[in-house]
Amino acid sequence: MGANGHVLPEKSSQNHLISGATDGREGEGETNERKVRLNGNIARRRPGKEMIEYWDKDLPGFGLRVHPSGRRTWFVMFRQRRKQRRVSLGTSRQITAREARRLARDKLIEVALDGLPTRKTDRSGSKQAPLMRDYAERFWADYARHWKPSTQRGNCGSIKRHILPAFGNRRVNEITKADVLFWRDGFAERTGTFNRTIPILSVMMTYAEKLGLRPRGSNPCRGTPRYKRKRMERFLSAREYGQLASALIDFEVENPLVVAAIRLLIYTGARCGEIEKLRWEWVQEPRLMLPDSKTGAKIIYLNRQAVSVIAMIPDRTASGLLFPSTRDPDKPTKLSMYWPDIRNRAALPDVRLHDLRHSFASTAIRDNISLMVIGKLLGHALAETTSRYAHLSDEVVADAAERVSGSIARLVGVGR
């Protein structure tokens, strides 16, 4: 028993924990409960028609919940400060039974020691680690300067809105993988937000290791899976390109600079921000020499059509923006303000500006240009980024194989 009355659960408390879990459940229906030795074999059992909870007979409070859908979640249940809590440890796909048992045991020990006097040093011998909310200020002062301004704004918001509310009152060296997995479960309806935030927390934990605030190699984010999301891939067909061309001709009367910018997106496959912020001093035909981009310095190669678009822009100067805002010539035009009107005129309401970049890659693949060359045209820093278009290449190869086999069939008389 700890100083504040917390007790590390023993085998005799198993029934109490199980009954507490069942009584506290709302709206989940009746659940079957079984005592077993939790291991990989149990985790591979077929799910039933009802939710089943397996409780470990050796480690009280450690359990596995099996949903009829097949989802299997490890958890640990305990009492802390007179309240019963259930902490998710991750799914059977994320962590093994052995790792889940270790996480559950660590959590139960942590609860049992809650309130007891602690030493002022952690295992690494460093001074007592600060609270996350205090450490965040030190981290930001040291690290944020290495990010671009737009990245700083996004990461600052993620730290304030998602990381500090969850971990702000925890000490930097106390955050465990179980805590991170439990935090992850709270983003089930905001999977994209979690996928963008977990790398920031991981960087914070790694930097804490370098400062001696956590033991080396203890980053609790390591191995935490991101949510799988369906990639939004939209490629324009030949007919849709025609629709868009007609809409641009129609809109050109109202705003020729916006139309010129969008045509550059179509012909170069550049990112929207790269064209919006394009400056005359970077135009060195037949190239655009960008000093900075999402992946660093970048060369955008201009084809004949892109060169023609730039040549038609009036009032060319030695420096300054190609597409300045009508309200403030020192600020770039925001194409996203005009795109909804243009795509509606083209009867393409589901097409995003970024889909013009995807369509550029799709067309290049249909023209038998290799993925390596496409990656250079798009300015991808990693080959893995270009590989998302590999399935389009497969379709081109399959079509070629079909044409070749058809020709051979005609030659041998099968097609007669």
Protein backbone atom coordinates (compact mmCIF):
# COMPACT_ATOMS: atom_id res chain seq x y z
CA MET A 1 0.00 0.00 0.00
CA GLY A 2 1.31 3.46 -0.95
CA ALA A 3 1.33 6.56 1.17
CA ASN A 4 -1.99 7.71 -0.24
CA GLY A 5 -3.67 4.35 0.03
CA HIS A 6 -3.07 3.04 -3.50
CA VAL A 7 -2.68 -0.71 -3.68
CA LEU A 8 -1.00 -2.67 -6.42
CA PRO A 9 -3.74 -5.08 -7.58
CA GLU A 10 -3.28 -8.70 -6.48
CA LYS A 11 -4.90 -11.84 -7.77
CA SER A 12 -7.62 -11.60 -5.15
CA SER A 13 -8.75 -8.28 -6.63
CA GLN A 14 -9.40 -9.71 -10.10
CA ASN A 15 -13.14 -10.21 -9.64
CA HIS A 16 -13.48 -6.70 -8.28
CA LEU A 17 -11.70 -5.23 -11.30
CA ILE A 18 -13.78 -7.25 -13.73
CA SER A 19 -17.06 -6.35 -12.11
CA GLY A 20 -16.03 -2.71 -12.02
CA ALA A 21 -15.25 -2.77 -15.75
CA THR A 22 -18.61 -4.30 -16.57
CA ASP A 23 -20.67 -2.05 -14.32
CA GLY A 24 -18.98 1.08 -15.65
CA ARG A 25 -19.65 0.22 -19.30
CA GLU A 26 -22.41 2.15 -21.02
CA GLY A 27 -24.16 1.29 -24.24
CA GLU A 28 -21.85 -1.57 -25.28
CA GLY A 29 -24.20 -4.43 -24.60
CA GLU A 30 -23.40 -7.57 -22.70
CA THR A 31 -19.78 -8.67 -22.70
CA ASN A 32 -18.40 -12.18 -22.16
CA GLU A 33 -15.49 -12.32 -19.70
CA ARG A 34 -12.91 -15.07 -19.42
CA LYS A 35 -9.78 -15.66 -17.36
CA VAL A 36 -6.85 -17.01 -19.35
CA ARG A 37 -3.13 -16.65 -19.75
CA LEU A 38 -2.98 -13.82 -22.27
CA ASN A 39 -0.57 -14.54 -25.11
CA GLY A 40 -0.37 -14.45 -28.88
CA ASN A 41 -2.57 -17.52 -29.27
CA ILE A 42 -5.41 -15.85 -27.39
CA ALA A 43 -5.02 -12.73 -29.52
CA ARG A 44 -5.43 -14.83 -32.67
CA ARG A 45 -8.70 -16.47 -31.62
CA ARG A 46 -11.64 -15.85 -33.89
CA PRO A 47 -14.01 -13.11 -32.69
CA GLY A 48 -17.51 -14.03 -31.63
CA LYS A 49 -20.84 -12.38 -32.29
CA GLU A 50 -20.54 -10.44 -29.03
CA MET A 51 -17.69 -8.47 -27.52
CA ILE A 52 -15.39 -10.67 -25.42
CA GLU A 53 -13.00 -9.56 -22.68
CA TYR A 54 -10.14 -11.86 -21.71
CA TRP A 55 -8.52 -11.17 -18.33
CA ASP A 56 -5.05 -12.41 -17.53
CA LYS A 57 -5.03 -14.88 -14.65
CA ASP A 58 -1.45 -14.03 -13.68
CA LEU A 59 -1.45 -10.20 -13.93
CA PRO A 60 -4.65 -8.77 -12.41
CA GLY A 61 -5.99 -5.80 -14.33
CA PHE A 62 -4.41 -6.82 -17.66
CA GLY A 63 -6.94 -7.65 -20.35
CA LEU A 64 -7.75 -8.05 -24.03
CA ARG A 65 -11.00 -6.84 -25.56
CA VAL A 66 -12.08 -8.59 -28.77
CA HIS A 67 -14.73 -6.88 -30.86
CA PRO A 68 -17.04 -8.76 -33.26
CA SER A 69 -15.38 -6.77 -36.07
CA GLY A 70 -12.07 -8.48 -35.25
CA ARG A 71 -10.40 -5.49 -33.59
CA ARG A 72 -8.42 -6.63 -30.53
CA THR A 73 -7.30 -4.07 -27.94
CA TRP A 74 -4.96 -4.64 -25.00
CA PHE A 75 -5.83 -2.67 -21.88
CA VAL A 76 -5.08 -2.39 -18.18
CA MET A 77 -7.56 -1.48 -15.47
CA PHE A 78 -6.73 -0.10 -12.04
CA ARG A 79 -7.91 2.22 -9.28
CA GLN A 80 -6.16 5.54 -8.87
CA ARG A 81 -7.17 8.24 -6.42
CA ARG A 82 -10.44 6.42 -5.73
CA LYS A 83 -11.38 6.33 -9.38
CA GLN A 84 -11.37 3.31 -11.63
CA ARG A 85 -9.50 3.81 -14.88
CA ARG A 86 -9.07 1.77 -18.02
CA VAL A 87 -6.04 2.58 -20.18
CA SER A 88 -5.71 1.29 -23.73
CA LEU A 89 -2.27 -0.14 -24.50
CA GLY A 90 -2.75 -0.58 -28.25
CA THR A 91 -4.19 -3.16 -30.61
CA SER A 92 -2.83 -6.65 -31.24
CA ARG A 93 -1.56 -5.43 -34.61
CA GLN A 94 0.40 -2.61 -32.99
CA ILE A 95 2.08 -4.48 -30.14
CA THR A 96 2.64 -8.11 -29.17
CA ALA A 97 1.20 -9.82 -26.12
CA ARG A 98 4.59 -9.74 -24.39
CA GLU A 99 4.99 -6.00 -24.94
CA ALA A 100 1.41 -5.33 -23.84
CA ARG A 101 2.04 -7.31 -20.63
CA ARG A 102 5.17 -5.27 -19.93
CA LEU A 103 3.31 -2.00 -20.48
CA ALA A 104 0.48 -3.15 -18.22
CA ARG A 105 2.91 -4.17 -15.46
CA ASP A 106 4.74 -0.83 -15.71
CA LYS A 107 1.46 1.05 -15.45
CA LEU A 108 0.32 -0.92 -12.43
CA ILE A 109 3.65 -0.30 -10.69
CA GLU A 110 3.40 3.40 -11.51
CA VAL A 111 -0.08 3.54 -9.96
CA ALA A 112 1.03 1.63 -6.88
CA LEU A 113 3.90 4.09 -6.31
CA ASP A 114 1.76 7.15 -6.94
CA GLY A 115 2.05 9.48 -3.96
CA LEU A 116 5.17 7.91 -2.49
CA PRO A 117 8.26 10.11 -1.99
CA THR A 118 10.47 10.09 -5.10
CA ARG A 119 14.13 10.75 -5.62
CA LYS A 120 15.16 13.93 -7.39
CA THR A 121 16.95 12.01 -10.10
CA ASP A 122 15.74 9.63 -12.75
CA ARG A 123 17.40 6.44 -13.99
CA SER A 124 19.74 8.40 -16.23
CA GLY A 125 21.07 10.26 -13.19
CA SER A 126 19.82 13.64 -14.38
CA LYS A 127 17.98 16.15 -12.25
CA GLN A 128 14.25 15.83 -11.92
CA ALA A 129 12.78 16.45 -15.38
CA PRO A 130 10.55 19.50 -15.88
CA LEU A 131 6.85 19.42 -16.67
CA MET A 132 6.05 19.20 -20.36
CA ARG A 133 4.50 22.68 -20.37
CA ASP A 134 7.79 24.13 -19.08
CA TYR A 135 9.94 21.97 -21.33
CA ALA A 136 7.88 23.03 -24.37
CA GLU A 137 9.14 26.61 -23.97
CA ARG A 138 12.78 25.45 -23.87
CA PHE A 139 12.22 23.15 -26.83
CA TRP A 140 10.59 25.91 -28.89
CA ALA A 141 13.35 28.41 -28.14
CA ASP A 142 16.02 25.92 -29.23
CA TYR A 143 14.40 24.04 -32.07
CA ALA A 144 11.73 26.14 -33.82
CA ARG A 145 14.28 28.25 -35.68
CA HIS A 146 15.16 25.21 -37.79
CA TRP A 147 11.64 25.10 -39.24
CA LYS A 148 10.24 27.28 -41.98
CA PRO A 149 7.78 30.01 -40.86
CA SER A 150 4.76 28.11 -42.20
CA THR A 151 5.93 24.96 -40.40
CA GLN A 152 6.46 26.93 -37.21
CA ARG A 153 2.88 28.19 -37.29
CA GLY A 154 1.45 24.72 -37.81
CA ASN A 155 3.65 23.03 -35.21
CA CYS A 156 3.03 25.74 -32.62
CA GLY A 157 -0.71 25.18 -33.00
CA SER A 158 -0.31 21.41 -32.67
CA ILE A 159 1.72 21.76 -29.47
CA LYS A 160 -0.78 24.16 -27.89
CA ARG A 161 -3.96 22.39 -29.00
CA HIS A 162 -3.02 18.71 -28.83
CA ILE A 163 0.24 17.97 -27.01
CA LEU A 164 0.15 20.24 -23.96
CA PRO A 165 -3.52 19.54 -23.06
CA ALA A 166 -2.65 15.83 -22.94
CA PHE A 167 0.86 15.90 -21.44
CA GLY A 168 1.40 19.41 -20.10
CA ASN A 169 1.18 18.39 -16.43
CA ARG A 170 3.34 15.29 -16.86
CA ARG A 171 7.09 15.29 -16.38
CA VAL A 172 9.07 14.79 -19.56
CA ASN A 173 10.65 11.53 -18.36
CA GLU A 174 7.32 10.06 -17.17
CA ILE A 175 5.62 9.82 -20.56
CA THR A 176 5.45 6.17 -21.64
CA LYS A 177 4.49 4.37 -24.80
CA ALA A 178 1.23 3.33 -23.14
CA ASP A 179 0.44 7.02 -22.60
CA VAL A 180 1.11 7.78 -26.25
CA LEU A 181 -1.07 4.88 -27.44
CA PHE A 182 -3.87 5.99 -25.13
CA TRP A 183 -3.51 9.52 -26.50
CA ARG A 184 -3.64 8.12 -30.04
CA ASP A 185 -7.00 6.47 -29.39
CA GLY A 186 -8.49 9.91 -28.76
CA PHE A 187 -7.90 10.85 -32.40
CA ALA A 188 -10.01 8.10 -33.94
CA GLU A 189 -12.25 10.74 -35.53
CA ARG A 190 -9.34 13.08 -36.38
CA THR A 191 -6.82 10.73 -37.87
CA GLY A 192 -5.12 13.37 -40.00
CA THR A 193 -4.57 15.57 -36.95
CA PHE A 194 -2.83 12.73 -35.12
CA ASN A 195 -0.65 11.86 -38.11
CA ARG A 196 0.54 15.47 -38.25
CA THR A 197 1.05 15.81 -34.50
CA ILE A 198 2.85 12.57 -33.55
CA PRO A 199 6.07 13.55 -35.42
CA ILE A 200 6.21 16.79 -33.41
CA LEU A 201 5.88 14.96 -30.10
CA SER A 202 8.53 12.49 -31.27
CA VAL A 203 10.96 15.31 -32.05
CA MET A 204 10.30 16.80 -28.61
CA MET A 205 11.05 13.48 -26.92
CA THR A 206 14.22 12.93 -28.93
CA TYR A 207 15.48 16.40 -28.06
CA ALA A 208 14.69 15.72 -24.40
CA GLU A 209 17.02 12.70 -24.62
CA LYS A 210 19.78 14.92 -26.00
CA LEU A 211 19.28 17.31 -23.08
CA GLY A 212 19.56 14.43 -20.62
CA LEU A 213 15.94 14.75 -19.51
CA ARG A 214 15.10 11.21 -20.65
CA PRO A 215 17.22 8.05 -20.94
CA ARG A 216 18.76 7.47 -24.35
CA GLY A 217 16.58 5.45 -26.71
CA SER A 218 13.44 5.93 -24.61
CA ASN A 219 11.37 7.90 -27.12
CA PRO A 220 7.80 6.67 -26.39
CA CYS A 221 6.63 7.63 -29.88
CA ARG A 222 8.95 5.16 -31.58
CA GLY A 223 6.96 2.44 -33.31
CA THR A 224 3.59 4.13 -32.74
CA PRO A 225 1.66 3.54 -35.96
CA ARG A 226 -0.01 6.39 -37.76
CA TYR A 227 -3.60 6.04 -38.87
CA LYS A 228 -3.98 4.69 -42.37
CA ARG A 229 -5.81 7.16 -44.53
CA LYS A 230 -7.10 6.80 -48.03
CA ARG A 231 -5.00 8.96 -50.31
CA MET A 232 -6.96 11.61 -52.15
CA GLU A 233 -5.94 10.95 -55.73
CA ARG A 234 -7.82 12.66 -58.52
CA PHE A 235 -6.54 12.68 -62.08
CA LEU A 236 -8.04 14.72 -64.88
CA SER A 237 -9.13 12.84 -67.99
CA ALA A 238 -8.69 14.23 -71.50
CA ARG A 239 -12.30 15.40 -71.55
CA GLU A 240 -11.93 17.07 -68.14
CA TYR A 241 -8.83 18.91 -69.32
CA GLY A 242 -10.99 20.27 -72.12
CA GLN A 243 -13.65 21.42 -69.67
CA LEU A 244 -11.04 23.16 -67.54
CA ALA A 245 -9.51 24.85 -70.59
CA SER A 246 -12.90 26.29 -71.57
CA ALA A 247 -13.48 27.56 -68.03
CA LEU A 248 -10.07 29.26 -67.97
CA ILE A 249 -10.77 31.03 -71.26
CA ASP A 250 -14.04 32.25 -69.81
CA PHE A 251 -12.43 33.42 -66.54
CA GLU A 252 -9.45 35.03 -68.30
CA VAL A 253 -11.56 38.07 -69.14
CA GLU A 254 -12.07 38.74 -65.42
CA ASN A 255 -8.59 37.92 -64.08
CA PRO A 256 -5.87 37.06 -66.61
CA LEU A 257 -3.09 36.80 -63.97
CA VAL A 258 -4.95 34.12 -62.01
CA VAL A 259 -5.55 32.15 -65.21
CA ALA A 260 -1.85 32.45 -66.12
CA ALA A 261 -0.85 31.12 -62.70
CA ILE A 262 -3.20 28.13 -62.99
CA ARG A 263 -1.91 27.36 -66.48
CA LEU A 264 1.61 27.29 -65.07
CA LEU A 265 0.41 24.76 -62.47
CA ILE A 266 -1.02 22.63 -65.27
CA TYR A 267 2.08 22.76 -67.47
CA THR A 268 4.77 22.37 -64.79
CA GLY A 269 3.23 20.18 -62.07
CA ALA A 270 4.57 22.68 -59.51
CA ARG A 271 3.08 23.10 -56.05
CA CYS A 272 0.52 25.86 -55.68
CA GLY A 273 2.65 27.86 -53.22
CA GLU A 274 5.65 27.72 -55.56
CA ILE A 275 3.73 29.45 -58.34
CA GLU A 276 1.90 31.88 -56.06
CA LYS A 277 5.18 33.16 -54.60
CA LEU A 278 7.13 33.05 -57.87
CA ARG A 279 9.37 36.10 -58.42
CA TRP A 280 10.78 37.54 -61.65
CA GLU A 281 14.36 37.21 -60.45
CA TRP A 282 13.87 33.43 -60.28
CA VAL A 283 12.75 33.18 -63.92
CA GLN A 284 15.80 32.02 -65.89
CA GLU A 285 14.27 30.46 -68.98
CA PRO A 286 14.00 27.59 -69.64
CA ARG A 287 14.01 27.13 -65.89
CA LEU A 288 12.60 28.54 -62.69
CA MET A 289 15.37 28.63 -60.07
CA LEU A 290 13.57 28.53 -56.73
CA PRO A 291 15.91 29.30 -53.80
CA ASP A 292 13.57 27.46 -51.45
CA SER A 293 10.58 25.12 -51.55
CA LYS A 294 9.02 22.36 -49.48
CA THR A 295 12.06 20.19 -50.21
CA GLY A 296 14.67 22.96 -50.35
CA ALA A 297 16.17 24.68 -53.41
CA LYS A 298 14.42 23.48 -56.55
CA ILE A 299 14.57 23.76 -60.34
CA ILE A 300 11.30 23.81 -62.26
CA TYR A 301 11.82 23.01 -65.93
CA LEU A 302 9.76 25.10 -68.33
CA ASN A 303 8.29 23.54 -71.46
CA ARG A 304 7.27 25.54 -74.51
CA GLN A 305 3.75 26.11 -73.21
CA ALA A 306 4.95 27.33 -69.81
CA VAL A 307 7.42 29.73 -71.44
CA SER A 308 4.58 31.10 -73.56
CA VAL A 309 2.42 31.67 -70.46
CA ILE A 310 5.17 33.67 -68.77
CA ALA A 311 5.83 35.67 -71.94
CA MET A 312 2.18 36.78 -72.03
CA ILE A 313 2.30 38.26 -68.51
CA PRO A 314 2.28 42.07 -68.84
CA ASP A 315 4.57 44.51 -67.08
CA ARG A 316 7.57 42.25 -66.67
CA THR A 317 10.12 43.69 -64.24
CA ALA A 318 13.59 42.79 -63.02
CA SER A 319 12.26 41.72 -59.64
CA GLY A 320 9.03 41.28 -57.73
CA LEU A 321 6.11 38.86 -57.80
CA LEU A 322 4.75 37.49 -61.05
CA PHE A 323 1.29 37.18 -59.52
CA PRO A 324 0.84 39.94 -56.91
CA SER A 325 -2.38 40.43 -55.03
CA THR A 326 -4.66 43.15 -56.33
CA ARG A 327 -5.05 44.45 -52.77
CA ASP A 328 -1.37 44.49 -51.86
CA PRO A 329 1.29 44.22 -54.62
CA ASP A 330 3.84 43.03 -52.05
CA LYS A 331 1.78 39.94 -51.26
CA PRO A 332 1.09 36.98 -53.58
CA THR A 333 -2.30 36.15 -55.04
CA LYS A 334 -4.14 33.36 -53.23
CA LEU A 335 -5.31 31.05 -56.01
CA SER A 336 -7.54 29.16 -53.58
CA MET A 337 -9.81 32.23 -53.48
CA TYR A 338 -10.58 31.94 -57.21
CA TRP A 339 -10.37 28.19 -57.76
CA PRO A 340 -13.90 27.27 -56.51
CA ASP A 341 -15.44 29.57 -59.13
CA ILE A 342 -13.21 28.22 -61.90
CA ARG A 343 -13.78 24.53 -61.14
CA ASN A 344 -17.54 25.07 -60.88
CA ARG A 345 -17.54 26.70 -64.32
CA ALA A 346 -15.65 23.64 -65.55
CA ALA A 347 -18.22 21.33 -63.89
CA LEU A 348 -15.39 19.76 -61.85
CA PRO A 349 -16.48 20.51 -58.26
CA ASP A 350 -14.37 17.72 -56.74
CA VAL A 351 -11.04 18.77 -58.27
CA ARG A 352 -8.51 20.46 -55.97
CA LEU A 353 -5.67 22.70 -57.10
CA HIS A 354 -3.21 20.02 -55.93
CA ASP A 355 -4.92 17.53 -58.27
CA LEU A 356 -3.37 19.45 -61.18
CA ARG A 357 0.00 18.24 -59.88
CA HIS A 358 -1.26 14.65 -59.66
CA SER A 359 -2.67 14.92 -63.18
CA PHE A 360 0.70 16.16 -64.47
CA ALA A 361 2.34 13.00 -63.10
CA SER A 362 -0.46 10.81 -64.48
CA THR A 363 -0.06 12.26 -67.97
CA ALA A 364 3.71 11.82 -67.80
CA ILE A 365 3.29 8.13 -66.97
CA ARG A 366 0.87 7.65 -69.87
CA ASP A 367 3.61 9.15 -72.08
CA ASN A 368 5.98 6.41 -70.84
CA ILE A 369 8.19 8.74 -68.77
CA SER A 370 9.94 6.85 -65.96
CA LEU A 371 9.14 7.39 -62.30
CA MET A 372 12.70 8.59 -61.71
CA VAL A 373 12.34 11.39 -64.26
CA ILE A 374 8.86 12.27 -62.99
CA GLY A 375 10.31 12.59 -59.50
CA LYS A 376 12.86 15.09 -60.80
CA LEU A 377 10.18 17.06 -62.66
CA LEU A 378 8.03 17.27 -59.54
CA GLY A 379 10.96 18.03 -57.25
CA HIS A 380 10.48 15.03 -54.97
CA ALA A 381 13.28 14.67 -52.44
CA LEU A 382 12.57 10.94 -51.93
CA ALA A 383 11.89 8.22 -54.48
CA GLU A 384 9.24 6.85 -52.10
CA THR A 385 7.14 9.96 -52.71
CA THR A 386 7.03 9.35 -56.47
CA SER A 387 6.24 5.66 -55.94
CA ARG A 388 2.63 6.57 -55.11
CA TYR A 389 2.14 6.80 -58.89
CA ALA A 390 3.58 3.33 -59.51
CA HIS A 391 0.14 1.76 -59.92
CA LEU A 392 -0.49 4.08 -62.88
CA SER A 393 2.71 2.82 -64.45
CA ASP A 394 1.45 -0.74 -63.99
CA GLU A 395 -1.67 0.14 -66.00
CA VAL A 396 0.45 1.52 -68.85
CA VAL A 397 2.63 -1.61 -68.88
CA ALA A 398 -0.43 -3.87 -68.80
CA ASP A 399 -1.96 -1.97 -71.71
CA ALA A 400 1.30 -2.30 -73.68
CA ALA A 401 1.39 -6.03 -72.95
CA GLU A 402 -2.17 -6.34 -74.22
CA ARG A 403 -1.31 -4.56 -77.47
CA VAL A 404 1.81 -6.68 -77.99
CA SER A 405 -0.02 -9.93 -77.32
CA GLY A 406 -2.78 -8.87 -79.71
CA SER A 407 -0.25 -8.22 -82.45
CA ILE A 408 1.41 -11.61 -81.90
CA ALA A 409 -1.97 -13.33 -81.93
CA ARG A 410 -2.75 -11.80 -85.32
CA LEU A 411 0.66 -12.90 -86.64
CA VAL A 412 0.14 -16.54 -85.64
CA GLY A 413 -3.40 -16.54 -86.94
CA VAL A 414 -5.28 -16.72 -83.64
CA GLY A 415 -7.09 -13.45 -84.25
CA ARG A 416 -8.38 -14.50 -87.71
